[in-house]
Amino acid sequence: MGYEPTLVQELAISETDHCLEVFQKLTNNTNIIICIGVPIHQSAGICISMIIFQPNMPRIVYSKQILHVDEYPYFISGKEPIFISYKDHKIAPAICFESLPNEHAATASAHGADIYLASVVKSAKGVEKVNLHYTEIAKNLSLTVLMANAIGPSDDFMSAGNSAVWNEY
């Protein structure tokens, strides 16, 4: 299932939910980082979140800070940026719409991030639009931009895949 805001009350979980343990075991056994998008219950409401699993480390939760206007009825905003350290890299996650205002990526760059990880849910037309945007972000901020796009049904449209990477060159 993809992005389903109307079902969020039924689908939201806790960041410590037992169903997530399989991902920690997988990351421990394979030495890879796994990021999973999921609605997370917070004390004030439900956040659009990314749970980050790193080998033999506690989970990190990043919650979307800049909501799109059509998300206001369903979600609350996250409050704090987080960064993923990997070897000599500092990775800044972004969730869908918040990767479009330039200030989000600029803040990540100002905090020393060299990789901007945009997890998105875009149709084929949406992918065409963000291709130009992420090219400019990579060039203007000297960031490597990784876009991971969903594939398949999401809300009332079809996510188109076409994940991609851009650098400043």
N, C-alpha and C. Protein backbone atom coordinates (compact mmCIF):
# COMPACT_ATOMS: atom_id res chain seq x y z
N MET A 1 0.84 -1.17 0.00
CA MET A 1 0.00 0.00 0.00
C MET A 1 0.89 1.24 0.00
N GLY A 2 0.50 2.24 -0.73
CA GLY A 2 1.26 3.48 -0.81
C GLY A 2 0.76 4.52 0.18
N TYR A 3 0.79 5.75 -0.23
CA TYR A 3 0.38 6.89 0.58
C TYR A 3 -1.14 6.91 0.65
N GLU A 4 -1.71 6.77 1.84
CA GLU A 4 -3.16 6.67 2.02
C GLU A 4 -3.62 7.54 3.19
N PRO A 5 -3.68 8.87 3.01
CA PRO A 5 -4.02 9.74 4.14
C PRO A 5 -5.39 9.48 4.75
N THR A 6 -6.36 9.05 3.97
CA THR A 6 -7.69 8.82 4.53
C THR A 6 -7.75 7.58 5.43
N LEU A 7 -6.72 6.74 5.35
CA LEU A 7 -6.68 5.52 6.17
C LEU A 7 -5.70 5.63 7.35
N VAL A 8 -5.15 6.82 7.56
CA VAL A 8 -4.06 6.99 8.52
C VAL A 8 -4.44 6.59 9.95
N GLN A 9 -5.66 6.82 10.35
CA GLN A 9 -6.07 6.45 11.71
C GLN A 9 -5.95 4.94 11.93
N GLU A 10 -6.23 4.18 10.89
CA GLU A 10 -6.14 2.72 10.97
C GLU A 10 -4.71 2.20 10.79
N LEU A 11 -3.90 2.92 10.03
CA LEU A 11 -2.58 2.42 9.66
C LEU A 11 -1.43 2.89 10.55
N ALA A 12 -1.62 3.97 11.30
CA ALA A 12 -0.54 4.53 12.11
C ALA A 12 -0.10 3.53 13.18
N ILE A 13 1.22 3.52 13.42
CA ILE A 13 1.80 2.62 14.42
C ILE A 13 2.74 3.41 15.32
N SER A 14 3.29 2.74 16.28
CA SER A 14 4.32 3.31 17.15
C SER A 14 5.68 2.99 16.54
N GLU A 15 6.65 3.84 16.79
CA GLU A 15 8.00 3.58 16.28
C GLU A 15 8.64 2.35 16.90
N THR A 16 8.05 1.85 17.99
CA THR A 16 8.58 0.66 18.65
C THR A 16 7.76 -0.59 18.35
N ASP A 17 6.84 -0.50 17.41
CA ASP A 17 5.97 -1.62 17.07
C ASP A 17 6.78 -2.86 16.72
N HIS A 18 6.32 -4.01 17.21
CA HIS A 18 7.02 -5.29 16.97
C HIS A 18 7.17 -5.63 15.50
N CYS A 19 6.23 -5.17 14.66
CA CYS A 19 6.30 -5.51 13.24
C CYS A 19 7.55 -4.94 12.57
N LEU A 20 8.21 -3.99 13.21
CA LEU A 20 9.40 -3.36 12.64
C LEU A 20 10.69 -4.11 12.96
N GLU A 21 10.64 -5.03 13.88
CA GLU A 21 11.86 -5.74 14.30
C GLU A 21 12.54 -6.48 13.16
N VAL A 22 11.77 -6.96 12.21
CA VAL A 22 12.35 -7.68 11.07
C VAL A 22 13.31 -6.78 10.29
N PHE A 23 13.04 -5.48 10.24
CA PHE A 23 13.91 -4.56 9.50
C PHE A 23 15.22 -4.32 10.24
N GLN A 24 15.15 -4.28 11.57
CA GLN A 24 16.39 -4.13 12.33
C GLN A 24 17.26 -5.37 12.16
N LYS A 25 16.66 -6.55 12.20
CA LYS A 25 17.42 -7.78 11.98
C LYS A 25 18.03 -7.80 10.59
N LEU A 26 17.26 -7.37 9.60
CA LEU A 26 17.77 -7.35 8.23
C LEU A 26 18.95 -6.40 8.07
N THR A 27 18.85 -5.21 8.64
CA THR A 27 19.95 -4.26 8.53
C THR A 27 21.18 -4.74 9.31
N ASN A 28 20.96 -5.38 10.45
CA ASN A 28 22.10 -5.93 11.21
C ASN A 28 22.81 -7.02 10.43
N ASN A 29 22.05 -7.87 9.74
CA ASN A 29 22.62 -9.00 9.01
C ASN A 29 23.24 -8.63 7.67
N THR A 30 22.79 -7.53 7.07
CA THR A 30 23.27 -7.17 5.73
C THR A 30 24.17 -5.94 5.72
N ASN A 31 24.24 -5.24 6.85
CA ASN A 31 25.05 -4.03 6.96
C ASN A 31 24.60 -2.94 5.97
N ILE A 32 23.28 -2.83 5.81
CA ILE A 32 22.73 -1.76 4.97
C ILE A 32 21.84 -0.88 5.83
N ILE A 33 21.56 0.32 5.34
CA ILE A 33 20.63 1.23 6.00
C ILE A 33 19.28 1.07 5.31
N ILE A 34 18.22 0.94 6.09
CA ILE A 34 16.88 0.79 5.56
C ILE A 34 16.03 1.95 6.09
N CYS A 35 15.31 2.61 5.19
CA CYS A 35 14.39 3.69 5.57
C CYS A 35 12.99 3.29 5.14
N ILE A 36 12.04 3.39 6.06
CA ILE A 36 10.67 2.98 5.79
C ILE A 36 9.73 4.13 6.11
N GLY A 37 8.88 4.47 5.16
CA GLY A 37 7.87 5.49 5.39
C GLY A 37 6.65 4.90 6.06
N VAL A 38 6.20 5.55 7.14
CA VAL A 38 5.06 5.03 7.90
C VAL A 38 4.44 6.16 8.72
N PRO A 39 3.11 6.15 8.88
CA PRO A 39 2.52 7.13 9.80
C PRO A 39 2.78 6.69 11.25
N ILE A 40 3.25 7.64 12.05
CA ILE A 40 3.64 7.35 13.44
C ILE A 40 2.76 8.14 14.40
N HIS A 41 2.24 7.44 15.41
CA HIS A 41 1.50 8.10 16.49
C HIS A 41 2.48 8.92 17.33
N GLN A 42 2.18 10.20 17.51
CA GLN A 42 2.89 11.08 18.43
C GLN A 42 1.87 11.55 19.47
N SER A 43 2.31 12.17 20.54
CA SER A 43 1.37 12.60 21.59
C SER A 43 0.35 13.60 21.07
N ALA A 44 0.72 14.45 20.11
CA ALA A 44 -0.19 15.49 19.62
C ALA A 44 -0.95 15.09 18.36
N GLY A 45 -0.64 13.94 17.78
CA GLY A 45 -1.30 13.52 16.55
C GLY A 45 -0.46 12.51 15.79
N ILE A 46 -0.70 12.42 14.49
CA ILE A 46 0.01 11.46 13.65
C ILE A 46 0.93 12.21 12.70
N CYS A 47 2.16 11.76 12.61
CA CYS A 47 3.16 12.34 11.71
C CYS A 47 3.42 11.43 10.53
N ILE A 48 3.71 12.03 9.39
CA ILE A 48 4.24 11.29 8.25
C ILE A 48 5.72 11.12 8.57
N SER A 49 6.15 9.89 8.74
CA SER A 49 7.50 9.66 9.26
C SER A 49 8.30 8.68 8.42
N MET A 50 9.59 8.73 8.64
CA MET A 50 10.54 7.80 8.05
C MET A 50 11.29 7.17 9.22
N ILE A 51 11.18 5.86 9.34
CA ILE A 51 11.95 5.16 10.36
C ILE A 51 13.24 4.69 9.70
N ILE A 52 14.36 5.01 10.33
CA ILE A 52 15.68 4.72 9.78
C ILE A 52 16.34 3.64 10.63
N PHE A 53 16.65 2.54 9.97
CA PHE A 53 17.31 1.40 10.61
C PHE A 53 18.75 1.37 10.14
N GLN A 54 19.67 1.35 11.10
CA GLN A 54 21.10 1.27 10.79
C GLN A 54 21.67 0.05 11.52
N PRO A 55 22.69 -0.58 10.95
CA PRO A 55 23.23 -1.78 11.57
C PRO A 55 23.64 -1.57 13.03
N ASN A 56 23.06 -2.39 13.90
CA ASN A 56 23.43 -2.43 15.32
C ASN A 56 23.34 -1.07 16.02
N MET A 57 22.36 -0.27 15.61
CA MET A 57 22.15 1.04 16.22
C MET A 57 20.66 1.21 16.51
N PRO A 58 20.33 2.09 17.46
CA PRO A 58 18.91 2.36 17.72
C PRO A 58 18.24 3.00 16.50
N ARG A 59 16.95 2.79 16.37
CA ARG A 59 16.17 3.41 15.29
C ARG A 59 16.17 4.92 15.44
N ILE A 60 16.12 5.57 14.30
CA ILE A 60 15.93 7.02 14.27
C ILE A 60 14.61 7.27 13.55
N VAL A 61 13.84 8.22 14.02
CA VAL A 61 12.59 8.58 13.36
C VAL A 61 12.68 10.03 12.91
N TYR A 62 12.45 10.23 11.62
CA TYR A 62 12.34 11.58 11.08
C TYR A 62 10.88 11.79 10.70
N SER A 63 10.30 12.90 11.13
CA SER A 63 8.92 13.23 10.78
C SER A 63 8.88 14.47 9.92
N LYS A 64 8.10 14.40 8.88
CA LYS A 64 7.96 15.47 7.90
C LYS A 64 7.65 16.80 8.58
N GLN A 65 8.45 17.81 8.26
CA GLN A 65 8.31 19.11 8.91
C GLN A 65 7.42 20.08 8.14
N ILE A 66 7.40 19.97 6.82
CA ILE A 66 6.61 20.89 6.00
C ILE A 66 5.51 20.10 5.31
N LEU A 67 4.29 20.25 5.80
CA LEU A 67 3.15 19.53 5.23
C LEU A 67 2.56 20.28 4.05
N HIS A 68 1.99 19.53 3.11
CA HIS A 68 1.21 20.12 2.03
C HIS A 68 -0.16 20.45 2.62
N VAL A 69 -0.82 21.46 2.10
CA VAL A 69 -2.10 21.91 2.65
C VAL A 69 -3.13 20.78 2.71
N ASP A 70 -3.12 19.84 1.77
CA ASP A 70 -4.12 18.76 1.82
C ASP A 70 -3.79 17.69 2.87
N GLU A 71 -2.64 17.82 3.54
CA GLU A 71 -2.28 16.89 4.61
C GLU A 71 -2.71 17.39 6.00
N TYR A 72 -3.04 18.68 6.11
CA TYR A 72 -3.40 19.25 7.40
C TYR A 72 -4.55 18.52 8.11
N PRO A 73 -5.57 18.05 7.42
CA PRO A 73 -6.65 17.37 8.15
C PRO A 73 -6.23 16.04 8.78
N TYR A 74 -5.13 15.48 8.33
CA TYR A 74 -4.74 14.13 8.74
C TYR A 74 -3.50 14.07 9.63
N PHE A 75 -2.58 15.01 9.45
CA PHE A 75 -1.26 14.90 10.06
C PHE A 75 -0.85 16.16 10.81
N ILE A 76 0.14 15.99 11.68
CA ILE A 76 0.82 17.12 12.31
C ILE A 76 2.26 17.14 11.80
N SER A 77 2.90 18.29 11.92
CA SER A 77 4.28 18.44 11.45
C SER A 77 5.27 17.92 12.46
N GLY A 78 6.37 17.36 11.95
CA GLY A 78 7.51 17.04 12.79
C GLY A 78 8.22 18.33 13.14
N LYS A 79 9.05 18.30 14.16
CA LYS A 79 9.67 19.53 14.64
C LYS A 79 11.18 19.63 14.41
N GLU A 80 11.86 18.50 14.32
CA GLU A 80 13.32 18.56 14.31
C GLU A 80 13.92 17.86 13.10
N PRO A 81 14.95 18.50 12.51
CA PRO A 81 15.68 17.79 11.45
C PRO A 81 16.54 16.68 12.08
N ILE A 82 16.80 15.67 11.33
CA ILE A 82 17.74 14.64 11.77
C ILE A 82 18.68 14.37 10.60
N PHE A 83 19.80 13.75 10.92
CA PHE A 83 20.77 13.41 9.89
C PHE A 83 21.23 11.98 10.09
N ILE A 84 21.54 11.33 9.01
CA ILE A 84 22.05 9.97 9.03
C ILE A 84 23.54 10.05 8.71
N SER A 85 24.36 9.49 9.55
CA SER A 85 25.80 9.45 9.28
C SER A 85 26.14 8.12 8.63
N TYR A 86 26.85 8.19 7.53
CA TYR A 86 27.31 6.97 6.86
C TYR A 86 28.71 7.24 6.31
N LYS A 87 29.68 6.54 6.87
CA LYS A 87 31.10 6.75 6.52
C LYS A 87 31.39 8.24 6.65
N ASP A 88 31.82 8.89 5.57
CA ASP A 88 32.15 10.32 5.63
C ASP A 88 31.00 11.20 5.16
N HIS A 89 29.80 10.66 5.12
CA HIS A 89 28.65 11.40 4.59
C HIS A 89 27.65 11.75 5.67
N LYS A 90 27.00 12.88 5.46
CA LYS A 90 25.90 13.31 6.31
C LYS A 90 24.67 13.43 5.41
N ILE A 91 23.68 12.58 5.69
CA ILE A 91 22.50 12.46 4.83
C ILE A 91 21.32 13.14 5.51
N ALA A 92 20.64 14.01 4.78
CA ALA A 92 19.46 14.71 5.29
C ALA A 92 18.21 14.15 4.61
N PRO A 93 17.31 13.54 5.38
CA PRO A 93 16.08 13.04 4.77
C PRO A 93 15.06 14.15 4.54
N ALA A 94 14.25 13.95 3.52
CA ALA A 94 13.12 14.82 3.21
C ALA A 94 11.98 13.93 2.75
N ILE A 95 10.77 14.30 3.11
CA ILE A 95 9.61 13.50 2.74
C ILE A 95 8.71 14.30 1.81
N CYS A 96 8.66 13.85 0.59
CA CYS A 96 7.78 14.31 -0.48
C CYS A 96 7.72 15.84 -0.60
N PHE A 97 6.57 16.45 -0.32
CA PHE A 97 6.37 17.88 -0.56
C PHE A 97 7.45 18.76 0.06
N GLU A 98 7.93 18.42 1.24
CA GLU A 98 8.90 19.30 1.90
C GLU A 98 10.21 19.39 1.14
N SER A 99 10.45 18.48 0.18
CA SER A 99 11.67 18.56 -0.62
C SER A 99 11.53 19.58 -1.74
N LEU A 100 10.35 20.17 -1.91
CA LEU A 100 10.14 21.14 -2.99
C LEU A 100 10.48 22.58 -2.61
N PRO A 101 10.14 23.06 -1.40
CA PRO A 101 10.59 24.41 -1.04
C PRO A 101 12.12 24.40 -0.90
N ASN A 102 12.78 25.32 -1.55
CA ASN A 102 14.25 25.35 -1.54
C ASN A 102 14.84 25.46 -0.15
N GLU A 103 14.12 26.09 0.79
CA GLU A 103 14.69 26.30 2.12
C GLU A 103 14.95 25.00 2.88
N HIS A 104 14.20 23.94 2.59
CA HIS A 104 14.43 22.68 3.30
C HIS A 104 15.80 22.12 2.94
N ALA A 105 16.10 22.05 1.65
CA ALA A 105 17.42 21.55 1.21
C ALA A 105 18.52 22.52 1.62
N ALA A 106 18.25 23.82 1.58
CA ALA A 106 19.26 24.81 1.98
C ALA A 106 19.61 24.65 3.46
N THR A 107 18.61 24.37 4.30
CA THR A 107 18.86 24.14 5.72
C THR A 107 19.72 22.89 5.91
N ALA A 108 19.40 21.84 5.16
CA ALA A 108 20.20 20.61 5.24
C ALA A 108 21.65 20.88 4.86
N SER A 109 21.85 21.62 3.80
CA SER A 109 23.20 21.97 3.36
C SER A 109 23.93 22.81 4.41
N ALA A 110 23.22 23.77 4.99
CA ALA A 110 23.81 24.64 6.01
C ALA A 110 24.23 23.85 7.26
N HIS A 111 23.57 22.72 7.51
CA HIS A 111 23.93 21.85 8.63
C HIS A 111 25.01 20.84 8.26
N GLY A 112 25.58 20.97 7.07
CA GLY A 112 26.69 20.11 6.68
C GLY A 112 26.32 18.85 5.92
N ALA A 113 25.05 18.70 5.55
CA ALA A 113 24.67 17.51 4.76
C ALA A 113 25.31 17.59 3.38
N ASP A 114 25.74 16.44 2.89
CA ASP A 114 26.24 16.39 1.51
C ASP A 114 25.36 15.50 0.63
N ILE A 115 24.41 14.82 1.25
CA ILE A 115 23.44 14.00 0.52
C ILE A 115 22.04 14.38 1.00
N TYR A 116 21.14 14.59 0.05
CA TYR A 116 19.75 14.95 0.34
C TYR A 116 18.89 13.79 -0.16
N LEU A 117 18.25 13.07 0.76
CA LEU A 117 17.45 11.89 0.45
C LEU A 117 15.98 12.26 0.43
N ALA A 118 15.40 12.38 -0.77
CA ALA A 118 14.00 12.75 -0.93
C ALA A 118 13.17 11.50 -1.19
N SER A 119 12.36 11.13 -0.21
CA SER A 119 11.45 10.01 -0.34
C SER A 119 10.11 10.58 -0.80
N VAL A 120 9.67 10.20 -2.01
CA VAL A 120 8.50 10.84 -2.61
C VAL A 120 7.47 9.83 -3.08
N VAL A 121 6.29 10.35 -3.36
CA VAL A 121 5.19 9.59 -3.95
C VAL A 121 4.69 10.44 -5.12
N LYS A 122 5.21 10.16 -6.31
CA LYS A 122 4.93 11.00 -7.48
C LYS A 122 4.40 10.18 -8.65
N SER A 123 3.48 10.78 -9.38
CA SER A 123 2.99 10.22 -10.64
C SER A 123 4.05 10.48 -11.71
N ALA A 124 3.84 9.97 -12.91
CA ALA A 124 4.79 10.21 -14.01
C ALA A 124 4.93 11.71 -14.27
N LYS A 125 3.83 12.44 -14.27
CA LYS A 125 3.88 13.89 -14.48
C LYS A 125 4.64 14.58 -13.35
N GLY A 126 4.42 14.13 -12.12
CA GLY A 126 5.12 14.69 -10.96
C GLY A 126 6.62 14.44 -11.03
N VAL A 127 7.02 13.26 -11.52
CA VAL A 127 8.44 12.95 -11.66
C VAL A 127 9.09 13.89 -12.66
N GLU A 128 8.41 14.18 -13.76
CA GLU A 128 8.95 15.13 -14.74
C GLU A 128 9.24 16.48 -14.10
N LYS A 129 8.34 16.94 -13.26
CA LYS A 129 8.52 18.25 -12.60
C LYS A 129 9.68 18.23 -11.61
N VAL A 130 9.78 17.18 -10.79
CA VAL A 130 10.83 17.17 -9.78
C VAL A 130 12.21 16.91 -10.38
N ASN A 131 12.28 16.30 -11.54
CA ASN A 131 13.58 16.11 -12.18
C ASN A 131 14.31 17.44 -12.35
N LEU A 132 13.61 18.45 -12.81
CA LEU A 132 14.21 19.77 -12.99
C LEU A 132 14.55 20.40 -11.64
N HIS A 133 13.66 20.26 -10.69
CA HIS A 133 13.87 20.84 -9.36
C HIS A 133 15.11 20.24 -8.69
N TYR A 134 15.21 18.92 -8.67
CA TYR A 134 16.34 18.27 -7.99
C TYR A 134 17.66 18.52 -8.72
N THR A 135 17.62 18.71 -10.03
CA THR A 135 18.83 19.08 -10.77
C THR A 135 19.35 20.42 -10.26
N GLU A 136 18.44 21.37 -10.07
CA GLU A 136 18.83 22.70 -9.58
C GLU A 136 19.32 22.65 -8.13
N ILE A 137 18.65 21.86 -7.29
CA ILE A 137 19.08 21.73 -5.89
C ILE A 137 20.51 21.18 -5.86
N ALA A 138 20.78 20.15 -6.64
CA ALA A 138 22.12 19.54 -6.66
C ALA A 138 23.17 20.56 -7.10
N LYS A 139 22.88 21.29 -8.16
CA LYS A 139 23.84 22.28 -8.67
C LYS A 139 24.03 23.44 -7.71
N ASN A 140 22.94 24.03 -7.26
CA ASN A 140 23.01 25.26 -6.46
C ASN A 140 23.54 25.04 -5.06
N LEU A 141 23.31 23.85 -4.48
CA LEU A 141 23.73 23.60 -3.11
C LEU A 141 24.87 22.60 -3.00
N SER A 142 25.40 22.16 -4.14
CA SER A 142 26.48 21.16 -4.16
C SER A 142 26.13 19.93 -3.33
N LEU A 143 24.90 19.45 -3.51
CA LEU A 143 24.42 18.26 -2.82
C LEU A 143 24.24 17.13 -3.83
N THR A 144 24.45 15.92 -3.38
CA THR A 144 23.97 14.77 -4.14
C THR A 144 22.53 14.57 -3.70
N VAL A 145 21.62 14.52 -4.66
CA VAL A 145 20.20 14.35 -4.35
C VAL A 145 19.79 12.95 -4.79
N LEU A 146 19.24 12.19 -3.85
CA LEU A 146 18.70 10.86 -4.12
C LEU A 146 17.19 10.94 -4.00
N MET A 147 16.49 10.63 -5.09
CA MET A 147 15.02 10.60 -5.04
C MET A 147 14.58 9.14 -5.10
N ALA A 148 13.90 8.70 -4.05
CA ALA A 148 13.31 7.36 -4.03
C ALA A 148 11.80 7.54 -4.17
N ASN A 149 11.26 7.12 -5.33
CA ASN A 149 9.83 7.28 -5.59
C ASN A 149 9.10 5.95 -5.47
N ALA A 150 7.90 6.02 -4.94
CA ALA A 150 7.05 4.84 -4.80
C ALA A 150 6.64 4.30 -6.18
N ILE A 151 6.21 3.04 -6.17
CA ILE A 151 5.69 2.41 -7.38
C ILE A 151 4.33 1.82 -7.04
N GLY A 152 3.32 2.09 -7.89
CA GLY A 152 2.01 1.49 -7.71
C GLY A 152 0.98 2.43 -7.14
N PRO A 153 -0.18 1.89 -6.76
CA PRO A 153 -1.29 2.72 -6.29
C PRO A 153 -0.96 3.49 -5.01
N SER A 154 -1.32 4.77 -5.00
CA SER A 154 -1.13 5.64 -3.84
C SER A 154 -2.27 6.64 -3.83
N ASP A 155 -3.05 6.63 -2.77
CA ASP A 155 -4.18 7.53 -2.64
C ASP A 155 -5.06 7.40 -3.89
N ASP A 156 -5.17 8.44 -4.72
CA ASP A 156 -6.04 8.38 -5.90
C ASP A 156 -5.26 8.44 -7.22
N PHE A 157 -3.98 8.02 -7.21
CA PHE A 157 -3.17 8.04 -8.43
C PHE A 157 -2.18 6.88 -8.42
N MET A 158 -1.43 6.76 -9.49
CA MET A 158 -0.45 5.69 -9.61
C MET A 158 0.96 6.30 -9.51
N SER A 159 1.73 5.84 -8.53
CA SER A 159 3.12 6.29 -8.38
C SER A 159 3.96 5.64 -9.48
N ALA A 160 4.89 6.41 -10.02
CA ALA A 160 5.56 6.02 -11.26
C ALA A 160 6.97 5.47 -11.12
N GLY A 161 7.49 5.35 -9.90
CA GLY A 161 8.87 4.87 -9.78
C GLY A 161 9.83 5.89 -10.36
N ASN A 162 10.77 5.45 -11.17
CA ASN A 162 11.79 6.31 -11.79
C ASN A 162 12.67 7.01 -10.76
N SER A 163 13.03 6.30 -9.70
CA SER A 163 13.95 6.85 -8.71
C SER A 163 15.23 7.26 -9.42
N ALA A 164 15.92 8.27 -8.89
CA ALA A 164 17.08 8.81 -9.59
C ALA A 164 18.05 9.48 -8.63
N VAL A 165 19.23 9.80 -9.14
CA VAL A 165 20.29 10.48 -8.38
C VAL A 165 20.83 11.62 -9.23
N TRP A 166 21.07 12.77 -8.59
CA TRP A 166 21.68 13.92 -9.25
C TRP A 166 22.88 14.37 -8.43
N ASN A 167 23.89 14.91 -9.12
CA ASN A 167 24.98 15.56 -8.41
C ASN A 167 25.17 16.95 -8.99
N GLU A 168 26.16 17.66 -8.50
CA GLU A 168 26.32 19.06 -8.88
C GLU A 168 26.88 19.25 -10.29
N TYR A 169 27.25 18.20 -10.97
CA TYR A 169 27.88 18.34 -12.28
C TYR A 169 26.94 18.20 -13.43
